Protein backbone atom coordinates (compact mmCIF):
# COMPACT_ATOMS: atom_id res chain seq x y z
CA UNK A 1 114.84 108.28 81.24
CA UNK A 2 112.42 109.62 83.90
CA UNK A 3 112.80 108.45 87.36
CA UNK A 4 109.75 106.77 88.87
CA UNK A 5 107.32 108.73 90.92
CA UNK A 6 107.88 108.39 94.64
CA UNK A 7 105.48 106.26 96.64
CA UNK A 8 102.63 108.39 98.09
CA UNK A 9 101.23 107.36 101.49
CA UNK A 10 98.23 108.86 103.10
CA UNK A 11 97.66 109.09 106.88
CA UNK A 12 95.19 110.94 109.20
CA UNK A 13 96.50 114.35 110.41
CA UNK A 14 97.54 114.44 114.12
CA UNK A 15 97.94 117.34 116.54
CA UNK A 16 101.57 117.56 115.57
CA UNK A 17 100.43 118.43 112.00
CA UNK A 18 98.61 121.59 113.04
CA UNK A 19 101.15 124.09 111.93
CA UNK A 20 101.51 122.30 108.47
CA UNK A 21 97.75 122.22 107.96
CA UNK A 22 97.38 126.04 108.79
CA UNK A 23 100.27 126.97 106.58
CA UNK A 24 98.85 125.04 103.54
CA UNK A 25 95.42 126.40 104.04
CA UNK A 26 96.65 130.01 104.32
CA UNK A 27 99.01 129.65 101.43
CA UNK A 28 96.30 128.09 99.16
CA UNK A 29 93.19 129.86 100.39
CA UNK A 30 94.40 133.05 102.18
CA UNK A 31 92.86 131.81 105.30
CA UNK A 32 91.86 128.56 107.08
CA UNK A 33 88.26 129.55 106.58
CA UNK A 34 86.46 128.60 103.28
CA UNK A 35 83.08 129.76 102.13
CA UNK A 36 80.66 127.65 100.19
CA UNK A 37 76.78 127.32 99.96
CA UNK A 38 76.39 130.38 102.12
CA UNK A 39 78.39 129.02 105.06
CA UNK A 40 81.95 129.72 106.36
CA UNK A 41 83.81 126.67 107.55
CA UNK A 42 87.18 126.71 109.28
CA UNK A 43 89.05 123.87 107.56
CA UNK A 44 91.82 123.88 110.17
CA UNK A 45 89.19 122.51 112.61
CA UNK A 46 88.14 119.70 110.20
CA UNK A 47 89.55 116.20 110.25
CA UNK A 48 92.37 115.95 107.84
CA UNK A 49 94.49 113.51 105.72
CA UNK A 50 98.19 114.15 104.94
CA UNK A 51 100.00 112.73 101.89
CA UNK A 52 103.62 112.10 102.23
CA UNK A 53 106.45 110.95 99.99
CA UNK A 54 109.65 109.86 101.63
CA UNK A 55 108.25 111.12 105.02
CA UNK A 56 107.71 114.54 103.62
CA UNK A 57 104.22 116.12 103.81
CA UNK A 58 103.27 116.88 100.20
CA UNK A 59 99.41 117.23 100.28
CA UNK A 60 96.45 117.89 102.50
CA UNK A 61 92.78 117.08 102.30
CA UNK A 62 90.23 118.45 104.93
CA UNK A 63 86.83 117.10 105.29
CA UNK A 64 83.57 117.24 107.18
CA UNK A 65 81.11 114.32 107.74
CA UNK A 66 77.53 115.03 108.33
CA UNK A 67 73.98 113.63 107.03
CA UNK A 68 74.98 114.87 103.55
CA UNK A 69 77.93 112.58 103.36
CA UNK A 70 81.63 113.26 103.38
CA UNK A 71 82.37 116.71 102.20
CA UNK A 72 85.84 117.42 100.82
CA UNK A 73 86.34 120.93 102.23
CA UNK A 74 89.72 121.43 100.90
CA UNK A 75 92.37 119.56 98.80
CA UNK A 76 95.98 120.74 98.12
CA UNK A 77 98.95 118.90 96.53
CA UNK A 78 102.55 120.34 96.22
CA UNK A 79 102.91 118.39 92.96
CA UNK A 80 100.79 117.75 90.03
CA UNK A 81 100.75 114.49 88.15
CA UNK A 82 102.20 112.39 90.93
CA UNK A 83 99.03 110.77 92.50
CA UNK A 84 99.08 112.98 95.56
CA UNK A 85 95.54 114.37 95.06
CA UNK A 86 94.15 111.13 93.69
CA UNK A 87 95.56 109.23 96.76
CA UNK A 88 93.99 111.75 99.00
CA UNK A 89 90.53 111.51 97.39
CA UNK A 90 90.73 107.71 97.45
CA UNK A 91 91.53 107.82 101.16
CA UNK A 92 88.77 110.30 101.87
CA UNK A 93 86.24 107.92 100.06
CA UNK A 94 87.38 105.12 102.25
CA UNK A 95 86.99 107.25 105.33
CA UNK A 96 83.51 108.06 104.17
CA UNK A 97 82.61 104.49 103.84
CA UNK A 98 83.98 103.73 107.30
CA UNK A 99 81.76 106.59 108.59
CA UNK A 100 78.68 105.20 106.78
CA UNK A 101 78.54 108.07 104.42
CA UNK A 102 76.31 107.60 101.36
CA UNK A 103 78.53 109.88 99.19
CA UNK A 104 81.62 111.95 98.86
CA UNK A 105 81.06 115.45 97.68
CA UNK A 106 82.52 118.82 97.21
CA UNK A 107 81.94 122.28 95.89
CA UNK A 108 84.29 124.08 93.34
CA UNK A 109 83.64 127.16 91.37
CA UNK A 110 82.77 127.73 87.73
CA UNK A 111 86.34 129.12 86.92
CA UNK A 112 88.20 126.04 88.28
CA UNK A 113 88.37 124.11 84.94
CA UNK A 114 91.31 122.25 86.03
CA UNK A 115 89.58 120.84 89.08
CA UNK A 116 86.47 120.03 87.15
CA UNK A 117 88.56 118.04 84.65
CA UNK A 118 90.51 116.33 87.64
CA UNK A 119 87.33 115.29 89.62
CA UNK A 120 85.40 114.06 86.68
CA UNK A 121 88.22 111.95 85.40
CA UNK A 122 88.24 110.36 88.83
CA UNK A 123 84.58 109.42 88.71
CA UNK A 124 82.84 112.25 90.42
CA UNK A 125 79.67 113.51 88.68
CA UNK A 126 78.41 116.99 88.49
CA UNK A 127 75.20 117.10 90.34
CA UNK A 128 74.14 120.76 91.05
CA UNK A 129 74.99 124.20 90.02
CA UNK A 130 74.25 127.03 92.42
CA UNK A 131 73.88 129.96 90.26
CA UNK A 132 75.48 133.29 91.56
CA UNK A 133 76.20 131.52 94.80
CA UNK A 134 79.69 132.97 95.00
CA UNK A 135 78.18 136.39 95.64
CA UNK A 136 76.92 135.12 98.97
CA UNK A 137 80.19 133.38 99.74
CA UNK A 138 82.06 136.64 98.99
CA UNK A 139 80.00 138.48 101.71
CA UNK A 140 81.41 135.63 104.16
CA UNK A 141 84.93 135.70 102.82
CA UNK A 142 85.81 138.96 100.89
CA UNK A 143 89.14 137.60 99.86
CA UNK A 144 87.38 135.46 97.18
CA UNK A 145 88.56 137.29 93.96
CA UNK A 146 86.28 138.43 91.11
CA UNK A 147 88.20 136.57 88.55
CA UNK A 148 89.89 133.18 88.82
CA UNK A 149 91.68 130.73 86.44
CA UNK A 150 92.07 132.07 82.89
CA UNK A 151 90.34 135.35 83.82
CA UNK A 152 87.07 133.63 84.12
CA UNK A 153 84.61 135.58 86.41
CA UNK A 154 84.05 133.55 89.58
CA UNK A 155 80.21 133.39 89.97
CA UNK A 156 78.83 129.93 90.48
CA UNK A 157 79.43 127.14 92.88
CA UNK A 158 79.25 123.59 91.45
CA UNK A 159 78.64 120.51 93.39
CA UNK A 160 80.24 117.20 92.38
CA UNK A 161 79.71 113.79 94.07
CA UNK A 162 80.96 110.18 94.13
CA UNK A 163 78.21 107.64 95.39
CA UNK A 164 79.90 105.53 98.02
CA UNK A 165 76.62 103.71 98.80
CA UNK A 166 76.71 102.40 95.10
CA UNK A 167 80.17 101.15 95.35
CA UNK A 168 81.71 103.87 93.14
CA UNK A 169 85.47 104.22 93.76
CA UNK A 170 88.07 106.98 92.92
CA UNK A 171 89.67 106.04 89.61
CA UNK A 172 91.38 107.61 86.73
CA UNK A 173 89.75 107.79 83.44
């Protein structure tokens, strides 16, 4: 018999979390800087949410709020299928509502089929495809590989959103 999944709690990052934030970003993205939409952003400088189970950090979401809404800059979970990433997204949506953001949005790439499935099953809609945008992002961050998941060429940036101003919530379909 499987043991129950541990309870996931989400909290805002504090200055004491700076080393964890940097380590996770570098481990996942080879840098604290991420490129999208022709812009380089230092995720370590963004507000962040930390997921914990039994007091241990197991996930990280960084975000940025501006006139376009709350952008999820990065999301990382040490475990799949445990509710960590879903909990982080739900907490980010709530943070966006508190900031008065009309939407939660993010950019992923065409090769990231697992993320596309994950986001859509949680209620985010695909709203834009930026054809060949990764070529520009790659000039800002040369570490972006030519091929990604399943050997798919990484070429396009895709924008997904959840409309906070319409009462949409993170769910699991």
